[in-house]
Amino acid sequence: MPDMAVADRYAKALIQLGQESGLTETFVGDLKNFSGLLENPELLAALSHPAFGLGERMNVLNKVLELVPMHTHSANFTRIVLEKGRFGNMPGIIDAYNKRADALAGRVRAVVTTATPLSSVLEKEVAAALAAVTNKSVMVESKVDPLIIGGVIAEVEGRIIDASLRTRMLKLRQSLLNASPDLVAEA
């Protein structure tokens, strides 16, 4: 199980290095690319499982790093995490780093769910609307869920803004069910 205190310590160290070297945003991009590979649970398990020797795990990591363009500092950071036996925390480290980098840059991340994929124009409009609400720059992660029928659900800074057609229909249904019998009979 990932230890969030450990993840935060490693993220803090990388943020400090990023600030000192002016590479904070470079590291954001590097970690984003690297995290895409870690979505493969077998790779994460192989790199974090102590049954494999450190040398074997390091060889695998070095092969992976050949596939992902990363700054030398970012690549070395992943090697240190592996050497220290904390690679199972890497997803948490990446998440904690992104939160710290976002705070420094004055931006937030929003998960925007729609029934169909957003065009780039609509995604920019949604980001602009959310930026007006949060007074911060907004990075949008788009998700598709046909069950919302239409509209949008946005999750940003712990708030949920639900403007989905499904929710509106459920509210209308509840209103009709709660209406007095006299009003329903007249209609």
C-alpha atoms as a PDB file:
ATOM      1  CA  MET A   1       0.000   0.000   0.000  1.00  0.00           C
ATOM      2  CA  PRO A   2       1.406   3.392  -0.966  1.00  0.00           C
ATOM      3  CA  ASP A   3       2.554   5.592   1.900  1.00  0.00           C
ATOM      4  CA  MET A   4       1.370   9.137   1.195  1.00  0.00           C
ATOM      5  CA  ALA A   5       3.857  10.667   3.661  1.00  0.00           C
ATOM      6  CA  VAL A   6       6.705   8.994   1.764  1.00  0.00           C
ATOM      7  CA  ALA A   7       5.212  10.063  -1.565  1.00  0.00           C
ATOM      8  CA  ASP A   8       4.971  13.650  -0.360  1.00  0.00           C
ATOM      9  CA  ARG A   9       8.591  13.683   0.888  1.00  0.00           C
ATOM     10  CA  TYR A  10       9.892  12.479  -2.475  1.00  0.00           C
ATOM     11  CA  ALA A  11       7.653  14.920  -4.349  1.00  0.00           C
ATOM     12  CA  LYS A  12       8.885  17.769  -2.153  1.00  0.00           C
ATOM     13  CA  ALA A  13      12.510  16.852  -2.900  1.00  0.00           C
ATOM     14  CA  LEU A  14      11.857  16.793  -6.644  1.00  0.00           C
ATOM     15  CA  ILE A  15       9.985  20.120  -6.471  1.00  0.00           C
ATOM     16  CA  GLN A  16      12.969  21.678  -4.706  1.00  0.00           C
ATOM     17  CA  LEU A  17      15.286  20.358  -7.416  1.00  0.00           C
ATOM     18  CA  GLY A  18      12.895  21.635 -10.086  1.00  0.00           C
ATOM     19  CA  GLN A  19      12.780  25.097  -8.552  1.00  0.00           C
ATOM     20  CA  GLU A  20      16.554  25.272  -8.108  1.00  0.00           C
ATOM     21  CA  SER A  21      17.199  24.192 -11.690  1.00  0.00           C
ATOM     22  CA  GLY A  22      14.211  25.938 -13.301  1.00  0.00           C
ATOM     23  CA  LEU A  23      12.857  22.585 -14.488  1.00  0.00           C
ATOM     24  CA  THR A  24       9.642  22.238 -12.488  1.00  0.00           C
ATOM     25  CA  GLU A  25       7.449  22.168 -15.599  1.00  0.00           C
ATOM     26  CA  THR A  26       9.885  19.909 -17.454  1.00  0.00           C
ATOM     27  CA  PHE A  27       9.518  17.417 -14.624  1.00  0.00           C
ATOM     28  CA  VAL A  28       5.711  17.671 -14.898  1.00  0.00           C
ATOM     29  CA  GLY A  29       5.921  16.579 -18.526  1.00  0.00           C
ATOM     30  CA  ASP A  30       8.470  13.868 -17.800  1.00  0.00           C
ATOM     31  CA  LEU A  31       6.395  12.391 -15.000  1.00  0.00           C
ATOM     32  CA  LYS A  32       3.269  12.513 -17.144  1.00  0.00           C
ATOM     33  CA  ASN A  33       4.984  10.474 -19.842  1.00  0.00           C
ATOM     34  CA  PHE A  34       6.432   8.075 -17.290  1.00  0.00           C
ATOM     35  CA  SER A  35       3.116   7.629 -15.470  1.00  0.00           C
ATOM     36  CA  GLY A  36       1.554   6.460 -18.728  1.00  0.00           C
ATOM     37  CA  LEU A  37       3.867   3.462 -18.619  1.00  0.00           C
ATOM     38  CA  LEU A  38       3.086   2.798 -14.969  1.00  0.00           C
ATOM     39  CA  GLU A  39      -0.568   2.264 -15.849  1.00  0.00           C
ATOM     40  CA  ASN A  40       0.615  -1.223 -16.790  1.00  0.00           C
ATOM     41  CA  PRO A  41       0.207  -2.978 -13.423  1.00  0.00           C
ATOM     42  CA  GLU A  42       2.692  -5.696 -14.380  1.00  0.00           C
ATOM     43  CA  LEU A  43       5.456  -3.168 -14.975  1.00  0.00           C
ATOM     44  CA  LEU A  44       4.793  -1.395 -11.686  1.00  0.00           C
ATOM     45  CA  ALA A  45       4.712  -4.734  -9.866  1.00  0.00           C
ATOM     46  CA  ALA A  46       7.962  -5.893 -11.479  1.00  0.00           C
ATOM     47  CA  LEU A  47       9.757  -2.671 -10.599  1.00  0.00           C
ATOM     48  CA  SER A  48       8.541  -2.626  -7.008  1.00  0.00           C
ATOM     49  CA  HIS A  49       8.578  -6.314  -6.054  1.00  0.00           C
ATOM     50  CA  PRO A  50      11.468  -7.273  -3.766  1.00  0.00           C
ATOM     51  CA  ALA A  51      11.527 -10.845  -5.148  1.00  0.00           C
ATOM     52  CA  PHE A  52      13.460  -9.415  -8.075  1.00  0.00           C
ATOM     53  CA  GLY A  53      16.946  -8.232  -7.239  1.00  0.00           C
ATOM     54  CA  LEU A  54      17.794  -4.547  -7.354  1.00  0.00           C
ATOM     55  CA  GLY A  55      20.076  -5.134 -10.340  1.00  0.00           C
ATOM     56  CA  GLU A  56      17.283  -6.838 -12.279  1.00  0.00           C
ATOM     57  CA  ARG A  57      14.784  -4.115 -11.461  1.00  0.00           C
ATOM     58  CA  MET A  58      17.300  -1.399 -12.358  1.00  0.00           C
ATOM     59  CA  ASN A  59      17.960  -3.072 -15.722  1.00  0.00           C
ATOM     60  CA  VAL A  60      14.222  -3.095 -16.440  1.00  0.00           C
ATOM     61  CA  LEU A  61      13.896   0.549 -15.375  1.00  0.00           C
ATOM     62  CA  ASN A  62      16.822   1.566 -17.574  1.00  0.00           C
ATOM     63  CA  LYS A  63      15.222  -0.188 -20.565  1.00  0.00           C
ATOM     64  CA  VAL A  64      11.956   1.635 -19.830  1.00  0.00           C
ATOM     65  CA  LEU A  65      13.784   4.959 -19.534  1.00  0.00           C
ATOM     66  CA  GLU A  66      15.242   4.404 -23.016  1.00  0.00           C
ATOM     67  CA  LEU A  67      11.658   4.437 -24.332  1.00  0.00           C
ATOM     68  CA  VAL A  68      10.564   7.594 -22.534  1.00  0.00           C
ATOM     69  CA  PRO A  69      12.239  10.900 -23.293  1.00  0.00           C
ATOM     70  CA  MET A  70      13.068  12.402 -19.901  1.00  0.00           C
ATOM     71  CA  HIS A  71      15.445  14.995 -18.533  1.00  0.00           C
ATOM     72  CA  THR A  72      18.469  13.445 -16.839  1.00  0.00           C
ATOM     73  CA  HIS A  73      17.310  14.703 -13.427  1.00  0.00           C
ATOM     74  CA  SER A  74      13.894  13.064 -13.854  1.00  0.00           C
ATOM     75  CA  ALA A  75      15.415   9.765 -14.959  1.00  0.00           C
ATOM     76  CA  ASN A  76      17.884   9.806 -12.067  1.00  0.00           C
ATOM     77  CA  PHE A  77      15.065  10.591  -9.667  1.00  0.00           C
ATOM     78  CA  THR A  78      13.189   7.433 -10.761  1.00  0.00           C
ATOM     79  CA  ARG A  79      16.396   5.439 -10.254  1.00  0.00           C
ATOM     80  CA  ILE A  80      16.781   6.810  -6.713  1.00  0.00           C
ATOM     81  CA  VAL A  81      13.173   5.910  -5.900  1.00  0.00           C
ATOM     82  CA  LEU A  82      13.889   2.378  -7.123  1.00  0.00           C
ATOM     83  CA  GLU A  83      17.179   2.121  -5.192  1.00  0.00           C
ATOM     84  CA  LYS A  84      15.457   3.220  -1.988  1.00  0.00           C
ATOM     85  CA  GLY A  85      12.805   0.513  -2.365  1.00  0.00           C
ATOM     86  CA  ARG A  86       9.991   3.040  -2.798  1.00  0.00           C
ATOM     87  CA  PHE A  87       8.962   2.348  -6.378  1.00  0.00           C
ATOM     88  CA  GLY A  88       5.535   1.086  -5.296  1.00  0.00           C
ATOM     89  CA  ASN A  89       4.923   4.680  -4.183  1.00  0.00           C
ATOM     90  CA  MET A  90       5.734   6.117  -7.613  1.00  0.00           C
ATOM     91  CA  PRO A  91       2.098   6.784  -8.635  1.00  0.00           C
ATOM     92  CA  GLY A  92       1.574   8.629  -5.334  1.00  0.00           C
ATOM     93  CA  ILE A  93       4.847  10.514  -5.770  1.00  0.00           C
ATOM     94  CA  ILE A  94       3.790  11.640  -9.234  1.00  0.00           C
ATOM     95  CA  ASP A  95       0.384  12.738  -7.950  1.00  0.00           C
ATOM     96  CA  ALA A  96       1.924  14.641  -5.019  1.00  0.00           C
ATOM     97  CA  TYR A  97       4.470  16.271  -7.338  1.00  0.00           C
ATOM     98  CA  ASN A  98       1.735  17.402  -9.724  1.00  0.00           C
ATOM     99  CA  LYS A  99      -0.250  18.932  -6.866  1.00  0.00           C
ATOM    100  CA  ARG A 100       2.790  20.850  -5.653  1.00  0.00           C
ATOM    101  CA  ALA A 101       3.724  21.982  -9.173  1.00  0.00           C
ATOM    102  CA  ASP A 102       0.131  23.062  -9.827  1.00  0.00           C
ATOM    103  CA  ALA A 103       0.060  25.101  -6.621  1.00  0.00           C
ATOM    104  CA  LEU A 104       3.319  26.831  -7.573  1.00  0.00           C
ATOM    105  CA  ALA A 105       1.989  27.594 -11.052  1.00  0.00           C
ATOM    106  CA  GLY A 106      -1.417  28.801  -9.794  1.00  0.00           C
ATOM    107  CA  ARG A 107      -3.367  26.155 -11.649  1.00  0.00           C
ATOM    108  CA  VAL A 108      -5.815  23.396 -10.841  1.00  0.00           C
ATOM    109  CA  ARG A 109      -6.776  20.180 -12.551  1.00  0.00           C
ATOM    110  CA  ALA A 110     -10.366  19.456 -13.472  1.00  0.00           C
ATOM    111  CA  VAL A 111     -11.930  16.175 -14.501  1.00  0.00           C
ATOM    112  CA  VAL A 112     -14.652  16.938 -17.015  1.00  0.00           C
ATOM    113  CA  THR A 113     -17.099  14.182 -17.909  1.00  0.00           C
ATOM    114  CA  THR A 114     -19.321  14.404 -20.972  1.00  0.00           C
ATOM    115  CA  ALA A 115     -21.537  11.972 -22.859  1.00  0.00           C
ATOM    116  CA  THR A 116     -19.404  12.288 -25.997  1.00  0.00           C
ATOM    117  CA  PRO A 117     -15.781  13.371 -26.436  1.00  0.00           C
ATOM    118  CA  LEU A 118     -15.173  17.121 -26.204  1.00  0.00           C
ATOM    119  CA  SER A 119     -13.778  18.883 -29.231  1.00  0.00           C
ATOM    120  CA  SER A 120     -10.650  20.922 -28.562  1.00  0.00           C
ATOM    121  CA  VAL A 121     -12.708  24.116 -28.929  1.00  0.00           C
ATOM    122  CA  LEU A 122     -15.267  22.988 -26.336  1.00  0.00           C
ATOM    123  CA  GLU A 123     -12.528  21.777 -24.017  1.00  0.00           C
ATOM    124  CA  LYS A 124     -10.967  25.257 -24.124  1.00  0.00           C
ATOM    125  CA  GLU A 125     -14.369  26.851 -23.435  1.00  0.00           C
ATOM    126  CA  VAL A 126     -14.953  24.557 -20.449  1.00  0.00           C
ATOM    127  CA  ALA A 127     -11.440  25.320 -19.156  1.00  0.00           C
ATOM    128  CA  ALA A 128     -12.097  29.056 -19.512  1.00  0.00           C
ATOM    129  CA  ALA A 129     -15.433  28.791 -17.664  1.00  0.00           C
ATOM    130  CA  LEU A 130     -13.818  26.813 -14.841  1.00  0.00           C
ATOM    131  CA  ALA A 131     -10.931  29.289 -14.713  1.00  0.00           C
ATOM    132  CA  ALA A 132     -13.463  32.079 -14.180  1.00  0.00           C
ATOM    133  CA  VAL A 133     -14.971  30.142 -11.256  1.00  0.00           C
ATOM    134  CA  THR A 134     -11.648  29.187  -9.627  1.00  0.00           C
ATOM    135  CA  ASN A 135      -9.565  32.256 -10.537  1.00  0.00           C
ATOM    136  CA  LYS A 136      -6.797  29.831 -11.547  1.00  0.00           C
ATOM    137  CA  SER A 137      -5.536  28.332 -14.747  1.00  0.00           C
ATOM    138  CA  VAL A 138      -7.345  25.035 -15.368  1.00  0.00           C
ATOM    139  CA  MET A 139      -5.947  21.871 -16.900  1.00  0.00           C
ATOM    140  CA  VAL A 140      -8.786  19.681 -18.166  1.00  0.00           C
ATOM    141  CA  GLU A 141      -8.780  15.898 -18.114  1.00  0.00           C
ATOM    142  CA  SER A 142     -11.668  14.731 -20.277  1.00  0.00           C
ATOM    143  CA  LYS A 143     -13.669  11.594 -19.595  1.00  0.00           C
ATOM    144  CA  VAL A 144     -16.594  10.144 -21.496  1.00  0.00           C
ATOM    145  CA  ASP A 145     -19.621   8.565 -19.821  1.00  0.00           C
ATOM    146  CA  PRO A 146     -22.630   8.054 -22.104  1.00  0.00           C
ATOM    147  CA  LEU A 147     -24.837   7.513 -19.030  1.00  0.00           C
ATOM    148  CA  ILE A 148     -24.930  11.254 -18.315  1.00  0.00           C
ATOM    149  CA  ILE A 149     -26.900  11.602 -21.587  1.00  0.00           C
ATOM    150  CA  GLY A 150     -25.752  15.182 -22.237  1.00  0.00           C
ATOM    151  CA  GLY A 151     -24.286  18.226 -20.550  1.00  0.00           C
ATOM    152  CA  VAL A 152     -21.203  18.127 -18.369  1.00  0.00           C
ATOM    153  CA  ILE A 153     -19.978  17.141 -14.919  1.00  0.00           C
ATOM    154  CA  ALA A 154     -16.840  18.926 -13.724  1.00  0.00           C
ATOM    155  CA  GLU A 155     -14.793  18.034 -10.651  1.00  0.00           C
ATOM    156  CA  VAL A 156     -12.411  20.781  -9.621  1.00  0.00           C
ATOM    157  CA  GLU A 157     -10.816  21.649  -6.265  1.00  0.00           C
ATOM    158  CA  GLY A 158     -12.997  19.119  -4.482  1.00  0.00           C
ATOM    159  CA  ARG A 159     -16.188  20.603  -5.900  1.00  0.00           C
ATOM    160  CA  ILE A 160     -18.538  18.884  -8.298  1.00  0.00           C
ATOM    161  CA  ILE A 161     -20.420  20.979 -10.805  1.00  0.00           C
ATOM    162  CA  ASP A 162     -23.130  18.782 -12.261  1.00  0.00           C
ATOM    163  CA  ALA A 163     -24.868  20.223 -15.311  1.00  0.00           C
ATOM    164  CA  SER A 164     -25.672  16.849 -16.838  1.00  0.00           C
ATOM    165  CA  LEU A 165     -28.944  16.082 -18.537  1.00  0.00           C
ATOM    166  CA  ARG A 166     -29.253  12.908 -16.489  1.00  0.00           C
ATOM    167  CA  THR A 167     -29.168  14.850 -13.212  1.00  0.00           C
ATOM    168  CA  ARG A 168     -31.667  17.404 -14.516  1.00  0.00           C
ATOM    169  CA  MET A 169     -34.024  14.599 -15.545  1.00  0.00           C
ATOM    170  CA  LEU A 170     -33.672  12.929 -12.134  1.00  0.00           C
ATOM    171  CA  LYS A 171     -34.462  16.242 -10.406  1.00  0.00           C
ATOM    172  CA  LEU A 172     -37.491  16.745 -12.627  1.00  0.00           C
ATOM    173  CA  ARG A 173     -38.661  13.218 -11.878  1.00  0.00           C
ATOM    174  CA  GLN A 174     -38.270  13.817  -8.147  1.00  0.00           C
ATOM    175  CA  SER A 175     -40.169  17.106  -8.415  1.00  0.00           C
ATOM    176  CA  LEU A 176     -43.017  15.360 -10.188  1.00  0.00           C
ATOM    177  CA  LEU A 177     -43.102  12.601  -7.586  1.00  0.00           C
ATOM    178  CA  ASN A 178     -43.146  15.179  -4.789  1.00  0.00           C
ATOM    179  CA  ALA A 179     -45.840  17.303  -6.428  1.00  0.00           C
ATOM    180  CA  SER A 180     -49.182  17.363  -4.725  1.00  0.00           C
ATOM    181  CA  PRO A 181     -51.743  14.879  -6.095  1.00  0.00           C
ATOM    182  CA  ASP A 182     -54.062  17.783  -7.017  1.00  0.00           C
ATOM    183  CA  LEU A 183     -51.465  19.276  -9.364  1.00  0.00           C
ATOM    184  CA  VAL A 184     -50.729  15.930 -10.979  1.00  0.00           C
ATOM    185  CA  ALA A 185     -54.453  15.225 -11.521  1.00  0.00           C
ATOM    186  CA  GLU A 186     -54.972  18.660 -13.172  1.00  0.00           C
ATOM    187  CA  ALA A 187     -52.165  18.102 -15.641  1.00  0.00           C
END
